[in-house]
C-alpha cells in the first residue's frame, strides 16, 4: 500500500505562456507546466479548466495521472477543447477524483538569459 497524499482541488492563479522562445526545442521552448504527483494506488482522472480576464472559461481538459506516477503536463500541449493561447494571462482550476499534489512551473526563454519560475499550486 502506497501513501496517499494531496488534495482533489488545486488552483494556479497566475498563468502565462510566453509567445517567443530561444534555443533548441522542445527543451528550451517557453512553456507552462502543471507537475502532478499521484502517490496513491488508483489512477487519477484530472480535469483542468482555464479562466481568462475577458472571455468565458475553456475546458475541461481531461488527463490521467497513473497510480504511483508523476505527470508534467505542459499547458502548451493541451489541444482539446482548444489550445491554450500564448501571450495571454490565464488561471487554472484543477480537479481530480483522487488526491494529487500540483506544482506550477514556467520556463520563459524569450531571451538568451532564461527565467524559470516554480511554485506550489493553491489547495484548500
PDB file of N, CA and C in Angstrom:
ATOM      1  N   UNK A   1       0.840  -1.172   0.000  1.00  0.00           N
ATOM      2  CA  UNK A   1       0.000   0.000   0.000  1.00  0.00           C
ATOM      3  C   UNK A   1       0.890   1.240   0.000  1.00  0.00           C
ATOM      4  N   UNK A   2       0.652   2.132  -0.953  1.00  0.00           N
ATOM      5  CA  UNK A   2       1.426   3.362  -1.036  1.00  0.00           C
ATOM      6  C   UNK A   2       0.705   4.480  -0.303  1.00  0.00           C
ATOM      7  N   UNK A   3       1.474   5.426   0.149  1.00  0.00           N
ATOM      8  CA  UNK A   3       0.902   6.554   0.878  1.00  0.00           C
ATOM      9  C   UNK A   3       0.090   7.446  -0.061  1.00  0.00           C
ATOM     10  N   UNK A   4      -1.083   7.835   0.386  1.00  0.00           N
ATOM     11  CA  UNK A   4      -1.920   8.760  -0.379  1.00  0.00           C
ATOM     12  C   UNK A   4      -1.718  10.153   0.187  1.00  0.00           C
ATOM     13  N   UNK A   5      -1.265  11.068  -0.654  1.00  0.00           N
ATOM     14  CA  UNK A   5      -1.059  12.455  -0.247  1.00  0.00           C
ATOM     15  C   UNK A   5      -1.717  13.356  -1.267  1.00  0.00           C
ATOM     16  N   UNK A   6      -2.042  14.565  -0.843  1.00  0.00           N
ATOM     17  CA  UNK A   6      -2.555  15.546  -1.782  1.00  0.00           C
ATOM     18  C   UNK A   6      -3.994  15.921  -1.522  1.00  0.00           C
ATOM     19  N   UNK A   7      -4.535  16.656  -2.492  1.00  0.00           N
ATOM     20  CA  UNK A   7      -5.897  17.177  -2.443  1.00  0.00           C
ATOM     21  C   UNK A   7      -6.564  16.918  -3.788  1.00  0.00           C
ATOM     22  N   UNK A   8      -7.867  17.141  -3.843  1.00  0.00           N
ATOM     23  CA  UNK A   8      -8.632  16.935  -5.072  1.00  0.00           C
ATOM     24  C   UNK A   8      -8.890  18.228  -5.839  1.00  0.00           C
ATOM     25  N   UNK A   9      -8.639  19.375  -5.213  1.00  0.00           N
ATOM     26  CA  UNK A   9      -8.861  20.674  -5.846  1.00  0.00           C
ATOM     27  C   UNK A   9      -7.618  21.535  -5.708  1.00  0.00           C
ATOM     28  N   UNK A  10      -7.139  22.044  -6.842  1.00  0.00           N
ATOM     29  CA  UNK A  10      -5.944  22.897  -6.885  1.00  0.00           C
ATOM     30  C   UNK A  10      -6.215  24.083  -7.793  1.00  0.00           C
ATOM     31  N   UNK A  11      -5.526  25.194  -7.527  1.00  0.00           N
ATOM     32  CA  UNK A  11      -5.672  26.404  -8.342  1.00  0.00           C
ATOM     33  C   UNK A  11      -4.293  26.973  -8.655  1.00  0.00           C
ATOM     34  N   UNK A  12      -4.077  27.271  -9.927  1.00  0.00           N
ATOM     35  CA  UNK A  12      -2.921  28.049 -10.370  1.00  0.00           C
ATOM     36  C   UNK A  12      -3.486  29.395 -10.796  1.00  0.00           C
ATOM     37  N   UNK A  13      -3.284  30.423  -9.974  1.00  0.00           N
ATOM     38  CA  UNK A  13      -3.894  31.725 -10.243  1.00  0.00           C
ATOM     39  C   UNK A  13      -3.122  32.519 -11.292  1.00  0.00           C
ATOM     40  N   UNK A  14      -1.848  32.234 -11.471  1.00  0.00           N
ATOM     41  CA  UNK A  14      -1.010  33.023 -12.365  1.00  0.00           C
ATOM     42  C   UNK A  14      -0.510  32.156 -13.504  1.00  0.00           C
ATOM     43  N   UNK A  15      -1.121  32.309 -14.669  1.00  0.00           N
ATOM     44  CA  UNK A  15      -0.697  31.555 -15.833  1.00  0.00           C
ATOM     45  C   UNK A  15      -0.398  32.481 -17.003  1.00  0.00           C
ATOM     46  N   UNK A  16       0.624  32.134 -17.770  1.00  0.00           N
ATOM     47  CA  UNK A  16       1.003  32.929 -18.940  1.00  0.00           C
ATOM     48  C   UNK A  16       2.039  32.133 -19.724  1.00  0.00           C
ATOM     49  N   UNK A  17       1.740  31.805 -20.970  1.00  0.00           N
ATOM     50  CA  UNK A  17       2.706  31.120 -21.826  1.00  0.00           C
ATOM     51  C   UNK A  17       3.354  32.182 -22.713  1.00  0.00           C
ATOM     52  N   UNK A  18       4.647  32.451 -22.531  1.00  0.00           N
ATOM     53  CA  UNK A  18       5.308  33.437 -23.384  1.00  0.00           C
ATOM     54  C   UNK A  18       5.200  33.058 -24.858  1.00  0.00           C
ATOM     55  N   UNK A  19       5.069  34.063 -25.707  1.00  0.00           N
ATOM     56  CA  UNK A  19       4.896  33.819 -27.142  1.00  0.00           C
ATOM     57  C   UNK A  19       6.174  33.369 -27.838  1.00  0.00           C
ATOM     58  N   UNK A  20       7.313  33.855 -27.408  1.00  0.00           N
ATOM     59  CA  UNK A  20       8.557  33.555 -28.112  1.00  0.00           C
ATOM     60  C   UNK A  20       9.471  32.653 -27.318  1.00  0.00           C
ATOM     61  N   UNK A  21      10.496  32.138 -27.996  1.00  0.00           N
ATOM     62  CA  UNK A  21      11.481  31.256 -27.377  1.00  0.00           C
ATOM     63  C   UNK A  21      12.818  31.427 -28.072  1.00  0.00           C
ATOM     64  N   UNK A  22      13.882  31.095 -27.358  1.00  0.00           N
ATOM     65  CA  UNK A  22      15.212  30.987 -27.961  1.00  0.00           C
ATOM     66  C   UNK A  22      15.780  29.636 -27.559  1.00  0.00           C
ATOM     67  N   UNK A  23      16.683  29.124 -28.351  1.00  0.00           N
ATOM     68  CA  UNK A  23      17.297  27.843 -28.018  1.00  0.00           C
ATOM     69  C   UNK A  23      16.570  26.683 -28.645  1.00  0.00           C
ATOM     70  N   UNK A  24      17.105  25.484 -28.456  1.00  0.00           N
ATOM     71  CA  UNK A  24      16.546  24.285 -29.109  1.00  0.00           C
ATOM     72  C   UNK A  24      15.207  23.873 -28.509  1.00  0.00           C
ATOM     73  N   UNK A  25      14.325  23.380 -29.380  1.00  0.00           N
ATOM     74  CA  UNK A  25      13.034  22.842 -28.941  1.00  0.00           C
ATOM     75  C   UNK A  25      13.114  21.319 -28.943  1.00  0.00           C
ATOM     76  N   UNK A  26      12.446  20.625 -28.080  1.00  0.00           N
ATOM     77  CA  UNK A  26      11.435  21.129 -27.157  1.00  0.00           C
ATOM     78  C   UNK A  26      12.000  21.594 -25.818  1.00  0.00           C
ATOM     79  N   UNK A  27      13.285  21.340 -25.531  1.00  0.00           N
ATOM     80  CA  UNK A  27      13.844  21.613 -24.209  1.00  0.00           C
ATOM     81  C   UNK A  27      13.723  23.071 -23.805  1.00  0.00           C
ATOM     82  N   UNK A  28      14.004  23.996 -24.722  1.00  0.00           N
ATOM     83  CA  UNK A  28      14.041  25.409 -24.372  1.00  0.00           C
ATOM     84  C   UNK A  28      12.841  26.186 -24.894  1.00  0.00           C
ATOM     85  N   UNK A  29      11.769  25.509 -25.259  1.00  0.00           N
ATOM     86  CA  UNK A  29      10.538  26.166 -25.666  1.00  0.00           C
ATOM     87  C   UNK A  29       9.885  26.805 -24.432  1.00  0.00           C
ATOM     88  N   UNK A  30       9.545  28.087 -24.523  1.00  0.00           N
ATOM     89  CA  UNK A  30       8.837  28.731 -23.420  1.00  0.00           C
ATOM     90  C   UNK A  30       7.555  27.958 -23.147  1.00  0.00           C
ATOM     91  N   UNK A  31       7.309  27.659 -21.868  1.00  0.00           N
ATOM     92  CA  UNK A  31       6.138  26.849 -21.550  1.00  0.00           C
ATOM     93  C   UNK A  31       5.690  27.035 -20.106  1.00  0.00           C
ATOM     94  N   UNK A  32       4.469  26.579 -19.844  1.00  0.00           N
ATOM     95  CA  UNK A  32       3.900  26.452 -18.505  1.00  0.00           C
ATOM     96  C   UNK A  32       3.638  24.967 -18.276  1.00  0.00           C
ATOM     97  N   UNK A  33       3.848  24.514 -17.058  1.00  0.00           N
ATOM     98  CA  UNK A  33       3.655  23.102 -16.751  1.00  0.00           C
ATOM     99  C   UNK A  33       2.934  22.940 -15.416  1.00  0.00           C
ATOM    100  N   UNK A  34       1.988  22.026 -15.366  1.00  0.00           N
ATOM    101  CA  UNK A  34       1.410  21.570 -14.106  1.00  0.00           C
ATOM    102  C   UNK A  34       2.074  20.234 -13.808  1.00  0.00           C
ATOM    103  N   UNK A  35       2.908  20.214 -12.776  1.00  0.00           N
ATOM    104  CA  UNK A  35       3.581  18.984 -12.364  1.00  0.00           C
ATOM    105  C   UNK A  35       2.664  18.305 -11.346  1.00  0.00           C
ATOM    106  N   UNK A  36       2.149  17.129 -11.695  1.00  0.00           N
ATOM    107  CA  UNK A  36       1.128  16.470 -10.889  1.00  0.00           C
ATOM    108  C   UNK A  36       1.659  15.134 -10.377  1.00  0.00           C
ATOM    109  N   UNK A  37       1.637  14.967  -9.063  1.00  0.00           N
ATOM    110  CA  UNK A  37       2.063  13.719  -8.422  1.00  0.00           C
ATOM    111  C   UNK A  37       0.844  12.964  -7.933  1.00  0.00           C
ATOM    112  N   UNK A  38       0.725  11.703  -8.344  1.00  0.00           N
ATOM    113  CA  UNK A  38      -0.291  10.796  -7.821  1.00  0.00           C
ATOM    114  C   UNK A  38       0.445   9.689  -7.076  1.00  0.00           C
ATOM    115  N   UNK A  39       0.542   9.830  -5.756  1.00  0.00           N
ATOM    116  CA  UNK A  39       1.242   8.832  -4.940  1.00  0.00           C
ATOM    117  C   UNK A  39       0.316   7.714  -4.492  1.00  0.00           C
ATOM    118  N   UNK A  40      -0.949   7.774  -4.884  1.00  0.00           N
ATOM    119  CA  UNK A  40      -1.930   6.780  -4.467  1.00  0.00           C
ATOM    120  C   UNK A  40      -1.910   5.520  -5.308  1.00  0.00           C
ATOM    121  N   UNK A  41      -2.797   4.605  -4.951  1.00  0.00           N
ATOM    122  CA  UNK A  41      -2.870   3.295  -5.608  1.00  0.00           C
ATOM    123  C   UNK A  41      -3.872   3.226  -6.759  1.00  0.00           C
ATOM    124  N   UNK A  42      -4.597   4.329  -7.027  1.00  0.00           N
ATOM    125  CA  UNK A  42      -5.561   4.357  -8.128  1.00  0.00           C
ATOM    126  C   UNK A  42      -5.217   5.486  -9.087  1.00  0.00           C
ATOM    127  N   UNK A  43      -5.476   5.262 -10.375  1.00  0.00           N
ATOM    128  CA  UNK A  43      -5.284   6.312 -11.372  1.00  0.00           C
ATOM    129  C   UNK A  43      -6.137   7.521 -11.015  1.00  0.00           C
ATOM    130  N   UNK A  44      -5.607   8.715 -11.267  1.00  0.00           N
ATOM    131  CA  UNK A  44      -6.336   9.958 -11.021  1.00  0.00           C
ATOM    132  C   UNK A  44      -6.826  10.521 -12.347  1.00  0.00           C
ATOM    133  N   UNK A  45      -8.115  10.767 -12.429  1.00  0.00           N
ATOM    134  CA  UNK A  45      -8.720  11.405 -13.594  1.00  0.00           C
ATOM    135  C   UNK A  45      -8.803  12.893 -13.277  1.00  0.00           C
ATOM    136  N   UNK A  46      -8.047  13.674 -14.002  1.00  0.00           N
ATOM    137  CA  UNK A  46      -7.833  15.084 -13.687  1.00  0.00           C
ATOM    138  C   UNK A  46      -8.465  15.941 -14.777  1.00  0.00           C
ATOM    139  N   UNK A  47      -9.165  17.000 -14.342  1.00  0.00           N
ATOM    140  CA  UNK A  47      -9.785  17.937 -15.278  1.00  0.00           C
ATOM    141  C   UNK A  47      -9.255  19.337 -14.993  1.00  0.00           C
ATOM    142  N   UNK A  48      -8.796  20.014 -16.043  1.00  0.00           N
ATOM    143  CA  UNK A  48      -8.298  21.375 -15.945  1.00  0.00           C
ATOM    144  C   UNK A  48      -9.267  22.313 -16.652  1.00  0.00           C
ATOM    145  N   UNK A  49      -9.600  23.427 -16.013  1.00  0.00           N
ATOM    146  CA  UNK A  49     -10.422  24.462 -16.626  1.00  0.00           C
ATOM    147  C   UNK A  49      -9.617  25.754 -16.612  1.00  0.00           C
ATOM    148  N   UNK A  50      -9.538  26.409 -17.768  1.00  0.00           N
ATOM    149  CA  UNK A  50      -8.749  27.628 -17.929  1.00  0.00           C
ATOM    150  C   UNK A  50      -9.684  28.837 -17.892  1.00  0.00           C
ATOM    151  N   UNK A  51      -9.325  29.844 -17.082  1.00  0.00           N
ATOM    152  CA  UNK A  51     -10.113  31.069 -16.925  1.00  0.00           C
ATOM    153  C   UNK A  51      -9.327  32.260 -17.474  1.00  0.00           C
ATOM    154  N   UNK A  52     -10.043  33.200 -18.086  1.00  0.00           N
ATOM    155  CA  UNK A  52      -9.443  34.387 -18.700  1.00  0.00           C
ATOM    156  C   UNK A  52     -10.067  35.640 -18.130  1.00  0.00           C
ATOM    157  N   UNK A  53      -9.431  36.798 -18.333  1.00  0.00           N
ATOM    158  CA  UNK A  53      -9.987  38.058 -17.834  1.00  0.00           C
ATOM    159  C   UNK A  53     -11.081  38.614 -18.730  1.00  0.00           C
ATOM    160  N   UNK A  54     -11.136  38.204 -20.004  1.00  0.00           N
ATOM    161  CA  UNK A  54     -12.042  38.861 -20.940  1.00  0.00           C
ATOM    162  C   UNK A  54     -12.904  37.905 -21.765  1.00  0.00           C
ATOM    163  N   UNK A  55     -12.995  36.632 -21.349  1.00  0.00           N
ATOM    164  CA  UNK A  55     -13.839  35.671 -22.075  1.00  0.00           C
ATOM    165  C   UNK A  55     -14.208  34.511 -21.162  1.00  0.00           C
ATOM    166  N   UNK A  56     -15.105  33.689 -21.655  1.00  0.00           N
ATOM    167  CA  UNK A  56     -15.587  32.552 -20.879  1.00  0.00           C
ATOM    168  C   UNK A  56     -14.481  31.509 -20.689  1.00  0.00           C
ATOM    169  N   UNK A  57     -14.568  30.722 -19.601  1.00  0.00           N
ATOM    170  CA  UNK A  57     -13.579  29.662 -19.365  1.00  0.00           C
ATOM    171  C   UNK A  57     -13.596  28.611 -20.480  1.00  0.00           C
ATOM    172  N   UNK A  58     -12.494  27.890 -20.601  1.00  0.00           N
ATOM    173  CA  UNK A  58     -12.366  26.800 -21.565  1.00  0.00           C
ATOM    174  C   UNK A  58     -12.024  25.528 -20.793  1.00  0.00           C
ATOM    175  N   UNK A  59     -12.670  24.445 -21.183  1.00  0.00           N
ATOM    176  CA  UNK A  59     -12.393  23.174 -20.546  1.00  0.00           C
ATOM    177  C   UNK A  59     -13.665  22.365 -20.434  1.00  0.00           C
ATOM    178  N   UNK A  60     -13.586  21.229 -19.807  1.00  0.00           N
ATOM    179  CA  UNK A  60     -12.384  20.744 -19.163  1.00  0.00           C
ATOM    180  C   UNK A  60     -11.425  20.049 -20.136  1.00  0.00           C
ATOM    181  N   UNK A  61     -10.140  20.197 -19.832  1.00  0.00           N
ATOM    182  CA  UNK A  61      -9.098  19.384 -20.464  1.00  0.00           C
ATOM    183  C   UNK A  61      -8.964  18.170 -19.568  1.00  0.00           C
ATOM    184  N   UNK A  62      -9.039  16.979 -20.120  1.00  0.00           N
ATOM    185  CA  UNK A  62      -9.023  15.770 -19.305  1.00  0.00           C
ATOM    186  C   UNK A  62      -7.721  15.007 -19.496  1.00  0.00           C
ATOM    187  N   UNK A  63      -7.075  14.677 -18.377  1.00  0.00           N
ATOM    188  CA  UNK A  63      -5.833  13.895 -18.411  1.00  0.00           C
ATOM    189  C   UNK A  63      -5.913  12.819 -17.327  1.00  0.00           C
ATOM    190  N   UNK A  64      -5.077  11.823 -17.447  1.00  0.00           N
ATOM    191  CA  UNK A  64      -4.980  10.766 -16.438  1.00  0.00           C
ATOM    192  C   UNK A  64      -3.556  10.752 -15.910  1.00  0.00           C
ATOM    193  N   UNK A  65      -3.447  10.727 -14.582  1.00  0.00           N
ATOM    194  CA  UNK A  65      -2.153  10.545 -13.931  1.00  0.00           C
ATOM    195  C   UNK A  65      -2.201   9.165 -13.294  1.00  0.00           C
ATOM    196  N   UNK A  66      -1.411   8.271 -13.812  1.00  0.00           N
ATOM    197  CA  UNK A  66      -1.424   6.879 -13.362  1.00  0.00           C
ATOM    198  C   UNK A  66      -1.050   6.770 -11.887  1.00  0.00           C
ATOM    199  N   UNK A  67      -1.504   5.711 -11.250  1.00  0.00           N
ATOM    200  CA  UNK A  67      -1.203   5.453  -9.845  1.00  0.00           C
ATOM    201  C   UNK A  67       0.310   5.375  -9.632  1.00  0.00           C
ATOM    202  N   UNK A  68       0.757   5.964  -8.544  1.00  0.00           N
ATOM    203  CA  UNK A  68       2.177   5.953  -8.140  1.00  0.00           C
ATOM    204  C   UNK A  68       3.090   6.530  -9.234  1.00  0.00           C
ATOM    205  N   UNK A  69       2.592   7.573  -9.925  1.00  0.00           N
ATOM    206  CA  UNK A  69       3.354   8.199 -11.013  1.00  0.00           C
ATOM    207  C   UNK A  69       3.253   9.708 -10.914  1.00  0.00           C
ATOM    208  N   UNK A  70       4.092  10.374 -11.710  1.00  0.00           N
ATOM    209  CA  UNK A  70       4.042  11.819 -11.861  1.00  0.00           C
ATOM    210  C   UNK A  70       3.829  12.144 -13.334  1.00  0.00           C
ATOM    211  N   UNK A  71       3.193  13.269 -13.582  1.00  0.00           N
ATOM    212  CA  UNK A  71       2.978  13.732 -14.947  1.00  0.00           C
ATOM    213  C   UNK A  71       3.285  15.224 -14.986  1.00  0.00           C
ATOM    214  N   UNK A  72       4.157  15.609 -15.899  1.00  0.00           N
ATOM    215  CA  UNK A  72       4.456  17.024 -16.112  1.00  0.00           C
ATOM    216  C   UNK A  72       3.705  17.440 -17.371  1.00  0.00           C
ATOM    217  N   UNK A  73       2.519  18.011 -17.161  1.00  0.00           N
ATOM    218  CA  UNK A  73       1.627  18.374 -18.258  1.00  0.00           C
ATOM    219  C   UNK A  73       1.887  19.806 -18.688  1.00  0.00           C
ATOM    220  N   UNK A  74       2.464  19.969 -19.881  1.00  0.00           N
ATOM    221  CA  UNK A  74       2.664  21.310 -20.424  1.00  0.00           C
ATOM    222  C   UNK A  74       1.333  21.867 -20.912  1.00  0.00           C
ATOM    223  N   UNK A  75       1.016  23.078 -20.484  1.00  0.00           N
ATOM    224  CA  UNK A  75      -0.183  23.743 -20.978  1.00  0.00           C
ATOM    225  C   UNK A  75      -0.079  23.962 -22.481  1.00  0.00           C
ATOM    226  N   UNK A  76       1.126  24.140 -23.001  1.00  0.00           N
ATOM    227  CA  UNK A  76       1.343  24.296 -24.448  1.00  0.00           C
ATOM    228  C   UNK A  76       0.796  23.102 -25.225  1.00  0.00           C
ATOM    229  N   UNK A  77       0.783  21.925 -24.611  1.00  0.00           N
ATOM    230  CA  UNK A  77       0.378  20.703 -25.301  1.00  0.00           C
ATOM    231  C   UNK A  77      -1.118  20.404 -25.188  1.00  0.00           C
ATOM    232  N   UNK A  78      -1.845  21.181 -24.399  1.00  0.00           N
ATOM    233  CA  UNK A  78      -3.286  20.968 -24.290  1.00  0.00           C
ATOM    234  C   UNK A  78      -3.952  21.445 -25.575  1.00  0.00           C
ATOM    235  N   UNK A  79      -4.672  20.559 -26.235  1.00  0.00           N
ATOM    236  CA  UNK A  79      -5.266  20.871 -27.540  1.00  0.00           C
ATOM    237  C   UNK A  79      -6.782  20.860 -27.546  1.00  0.00           C
ATOM    238  N   UNK A  80      -7.396  19.954 -26.752  1.00  0.00           N
ATOM    239  CA  UNK A  80      -8.846  19.810 -26.802  1.00  0.00           C
ATOM    240  C   UNK A  80      -9.446  20.180 -25.458  1.00  0.00           C
ATOM    241  N   UNK A  81     -10.394  21.106 -25.396  1.00  0.00           N
ATOM    242  CA  UNK A  81     -11.254  21.558 -26.480  1.00  0.00           C
ATOM    243  C   UNK A  81     -10.673  22.658 -27.369  1.00  0.00           C
ATOM    244  N   UNK A  82      -9.581  23.325 -26.949  1.00  0.00           N
ATOM    245  CA  UNK A  82      -8.876  24.265 -27.822  1.00  0.00           C
ATOM    246  C   UNK A  82      -7.513  24.528 -27.211  1.00  0.00           C
ATOM    247  N   UNK A  83      -6.518  24.902 -28.031  1.00  0.00           N
ATOM    248  CA  UNK A  83      -5.184  25.192 -27.483  1.00  0.00           C
ATOM    249  C   UNK A  83      -5.231  26.364 -26.497  1.00  0.00           C
ATOM    250  N   UNK A  84      -4.380  26.315 -25.488  1.00  0.00           N
ATOM    251  CA  UNK A  84      -4.254  27.422 -24.548  1.00  0.00           C
ATOM    252  C   UNK A  84      -3.467  28.529 -25.264  1.00  0.00           C
ATOM    253  N   UNK A  85      -4.014  29.744 -25.327  1.00  0.00           N
ATOM    254  CA  UNK A  85      -3.363  30.799 -26.108  1.00  0.00           C
ATOM    255  C   UNK A  85      -2.046  31.267 -25.491  1.00  0.00           C
ATOM    256  N   UNK A  86      -1.108  31.627 -26.350  1.00  0.00           N
ATOM    257  CA  UNK A  86       0.176  32.191 -25.923  1.00  0.00           C
ATOM    258  C   UNK A  86       0.007  33.697 -25.747  1.00  0.00           C
ATOM    259  N   UNK A  87       0.815  34.272 -24.864  1.00  0.00           N
ATOM    260  CA  UNK A  87       0.793  35.715 -24.673  1.00  0.00           C
ATOM    261  C   UNK A  87      -0.486  36.225 -24.031  1.00  0.00           C
ATOM    262  N   UNK A  88      -1.182  35.383 -23.269  1.00  0.00           N
ATOM    263  CA  UNK A  88      -2.464  35.740 -22.656  1.00  0.00           C
ATOM    264  C   UNK A  88      -2.466  35.320 -21.191  1.00  0.00           C
ATOM    265  N   UNK A  89      -2.854  36.235 -20.306  1.00  0.00           N
ATOM    266  CA  UNK A  89      -2.988  35.891 -18.891  1.00  0.00           C
ATOM    267  C   UNK A  89      -4.130  34.902 -18.703  1.00  0.00           C
ATOM    268  N   UNK A  90      -3.929  33.921 -17.840  1.00  0.00           N
ATOM    269  CA  UNK A  90      -4.993  32.975 -17.502  1.00  0.00           C
ATOM    270  C   UNK A  90      -4.773  32.411 -16.111  1.00  0.00           C
ATOM    271  N   UNK A  91      -5.791  31.747 -15.601  1.00  0.00           N
ATOM    272  CA  UNK A  91      -5.719  30.990 -14.357  1.00  0.00           C
ATOM    273  C   UNK A  91      -6.264  29.597 -14.639  1.00  0.00           C
ATOM    274  N   UNK A  92      -5.981  28.655 -13.750  1.00  0.00           N
ATOM    275  CA  UNK A  92      -6.404  27.280 -13.985  1.00  0.00           C
ATOM    276  C   UNK A  92      -6.920  26.655 -12.691  1.00  0.00           C
ATOM    277  N   UNK A  93      -8.091  26.017 -12.786  1.00  0.00           N
ATOM    278  CA  UNK A  93      -8.630  25.221 -11.689  1.00  0.00           C
ATOM    279  C   UNK A  93      -8.463  23.759 -12.072  1.00  0.00           C
ATOM    280  N   UNK A  94      -7.877  22.991 -11.166  1.00  0.00           N
ATOM    281  CA  UNK A  94      -7.574  21.582 -11.411  1.00  0.00           C
ATOM    282  C   UNK A  94      -8.360  20.745 -10.416  1.00  0.00           C
ATOM    283  N   UNK A  95      -9.183  19.831 -10.934  1.00  0.00           N
ATOM    284  CA  UNK A  95      -9.994  18.935 -10.097  1.00  0.00           C
ATOM    285  C   UNK A  95      -9.587  17.494 -10.411  1.00  0.00           C
ATOM    286  N   UNK A  96      -9.502  16.674  -9.376  1.00  0.00           N
ATOM    287  CA  UNK A  96      -9.098  15.285  -9.535  1.00  0.00           C
ATOM    288  C   UNK A  96     -10.030  14.396  -8.718  1.00  0.00           C
ATOM    289  N   UNK A  97     -10.288  13.196  -9.218  1.00  0.00           N
ATOM    290  CA  UNK A  97     -11.106  12.260  -8.450  1.00  0.00           C
ATOM    291  C   UNK A  97     -10.292  11.507  -7.400  1.00  0.00           C
ATOM    292  N   UNK A  98      -8.974  11.669  -7.422  1.00  0.00           N
ATOM    293  CA  UNK A  98      -8.081  11.092  -6.420  1.00  0.00           C
ATOM    294  C   UNK A  98      -7.179  12.203  -5.885  1.00  0.00           C
ATOM    295  N   UNK A  99      -6.701  12.106  -4.650  1.00  0.00           N
ATOM    296  CA  UNK A  99      -5.796  13.120  -4.135  1.00  0.00           C
ATOM    297  C   UNK A  99      -4.490  13.168  -4.948  1.00  0.00           C
ATOM    298  N   UNK A 100      -4.075  14.373  -5.315  1.00  0.00           N
ATOM    299  CA  UNK A 100      -2.826  14.600  -6.038  1.00  0.00           C
ATOM    300  C   UNK A 100      -2.152  15.833  -5.454  1.00  0.00           C
ATOM    301  N   UNK A 101      -0.898  16.041  -5.814  1.00  0.00           N
ATOM    302  CA  UNK A 101      -0.157  17.253  -5.463  1.00  0.00           C
ATOM    303  C   UNK A 101       0.208  17.942  -6.766  1.00  0.00           C
ATOM    304  N   UNK A 102       0.034  19.288  -6.817  1.00  0.00           N
ATOM    305  CA  UNK A 102       0.276  20.052  -8.040  1.00  0.00           C
ATOM    306  C   UNK A 102       1.307  21.148  -7.779  1.00  0.00           C
ATOM    307  N   UNK A 103       2.285  21.205  -8.652  1.00  0.00           N
ATOM    308  CA  UNK A 103       3.273  22.284  -8.648  1.00  0.00           C
ATOM    309  C   UNK A 103       3.228  22.951 -10.016  1.00  0.00           C
ATOM    310  N   UNK A 104       3.413  24.266 -10.042  1.00  0.00           N
ATOM    311  CA  UNK A 104       3.345  25.057 -11.277  1.00  0.00           C
ATOM    312  C   UNK A 104       4.749  25.525 -11.657  1.00  0.00           C
ATOM    313  N   UNK A 105       5.105  25.377 -12.933  1.00  0.00           N
ATOM    314  CA  UNK A 105       6.416  25.797 -13.415  1.00  0.00           C
ATOM    315  C   UNK A 105       6.271  26.534 -14.741  1.00  0.00           C
ATOM    316  N   UNK A 106       7.066  27.595 -14.908  1.00  0.00           N
ATOM    317  CA  UNK A 106       7.129  28.311 -16.188  1.00  0.00           C
ATOM    318  C   UNK A 106       8.582  28.465 -16.601  1.00  0.00           C
ATOM    319  N   UNK A 107       8.848  28.167 -17.874  1.00  0.00           N
ATOM    320  CA  UNK A 107      10.141  28.485 -18.480  1.00  0.00           C
ATOM    321  C   UNK A 107       9.900  29.604 -19.479  1.00  0.00           C
ATOM    322  N   UNK A 108      10.555  30.739 -19.263  1.00  0.00           N
ATOM    323  CA  UNK A 108      10.470  31.881 -20.174  1.00  0.00           C
ATOM    324  C   UNK A 108      11.816  31.995 -20.871  1.00  0.00           C
ATOM    325  N   UNK A 109      11.861  31.564 -22.130  1.00  0.00           N
ATOM    326  CA  UNK A 109      13.125  31.590 -22.879  1.00  0.00           C
ATOM    327  C   UNK A 109      13.071  32.598 -24.027  1.00  0.00           C
ATOM    328  N   UNK A 110      12.327  33.696 -23.825  1.00  0.00           N
ATOM    329  CA  UNK A 110      12.265  34.720 -24.868  1.00  0.00           C
ATOM    330  C   UNK A 110      13.609  35.387 -25.076  1.00  0.00           C
ATOM    331  N   UNK A 111      14.462  35.381 -24.048  1.00  0.00           N
ATOM    332  CA  UNK A 111      15.806  35.929 -24.150  1.00  0.00           C
ATOM    333  C   UNK A 111      16.812  34.793 -23.957  1.00  0.00           C
ATOM    334  N   UNK A 112      18.046  35.055 -24.319  1.00  0.00           N
ATOM    335  CA  UNK A 112      19.090  34.049 -24.099  1.00  0.00           C
ATOM    336  C   UNK A 112      19.278  33.774 -22.610  1.00  0.00           C
ATOM    337  N   UNK A 113      19.031  34.779 -21.743  1.00  0.00           N
ATOM    338  CA  UNK A 113      19.087  34.606 -20.292  1.00  0.00           C
ATOM    339  C   UNK A 113      17.720  34.114 -19.848  1.00  0.00           C
ATOM    340  N   UNK A 114      17.590  32.838 -19.677  1.00  0.00           N
ATOM    341  CA  UNK A 114      16.292  32.224 -19.396  1.00  0.00           C
ATOM    342  C   UNK A 114      15.827  32.503 -17.970  1.00  0.00           C
ATOM    343  N   UNK A 115      14.525  32.466 -17.782  1.00  0.00           N
ATOM    344  CA  UNK A 115      13.930  32.618 -16.450  1.00  0.00           C
ATOM    345  C   UNK A 115      13.077  31.390 -16.172  1.00  0.00           C
ATOM    346  N   UNK A 116      13.206  30.844 -14.965  1.00  0.00           N
ATOM    347  CA  UNK A 116      12.407  29.704 -14.546  1.00  0.00           C
ATOM    348  C   UNK A 116      11.676  30.083 -13.270  1.00  0.00           C
ATOM    349  N   UNK A 117      10.366  29.889 -13.261  1.00  0.00           N
ATOM    350  CA  UNK A 117       9.518  30.182 -12.107  1.00  0.00           C
ATOM    351  C   UNK A 117       8.868  28.886 -11.687  1.00  0.00           C
ATOM    352  N   UNK A 118       8.821  28.628 -10.393  1.00  0.00           N
ATOM    353  CA  UNK A 118       8.088  27.465  -9.922  1.00  0.00           C
ATOM    354  C   UNK A 118       7.490  27.772  -8.565  1.00  0.00           C
ATOM    355  N   UNK A 119       6.297  27.242  -8.321  1.00  0.00           N
ATOM    356  CA  UNK A 119       5.612  27.439  -7.046  1.00  0.00           C
ATOM    357  C   UNK A 119       4.611  26.304  -6.861  1.00  0.00           C
ATOM    358  N   UNK A 120       4.289  26.026  -5.624  1.00  0.00           N
ATOM    359  CA  UNK A 120       3.254  25.038  -5.362  1.00  0.00           C
ATOM    360  C   UNK A 120       1.911  25.692  -5.669  1.00  0.00           C
ATOM    361  N   UNK A 121       1.004  24.966  -6.250  1.00  0.00           N
ATOM    362  CA  UNK A 121      -0.337  25.494  -6.529  1.00  0.00           C
ATOM    363  C   UNK A 121      -1.089  25.652  -5.201  1.00  0.00           C
ATOM    364  N   UNK A 122      -2.197  26.374  -5.216  1.00  0.00           N
ATOM    365  CA  UNK A 122      -3.025  26.559  -4.032  1.00  0.00           C
ATOM    366  C   UNK A 122      -4.024  25.423  -3.926  1.00  0.00           C
ATOM    367  N   UNK A 123      -4.244  24.963  -2.704  1.00  0.00           N
ATOM    368  CA  UNK A 123      -5.265  23.953  -2.454  1.00  0.00           C
ATOM    369  C   UNK A 123      -5.916  24.238  -1.115  1.00  0.00           C
ATOM    370  N   UNK A 124      -7.190  23.892  -1.024  1.00  0.00           N
ATOM    371  CA  UNK A 124      -7.938  24.092   0.206  1.00  0.00           C
ATOM    372  C   UNK A 124      -7.903  22.843   1.048  1.00  0.00           C
TER     373      UNK A 124
END
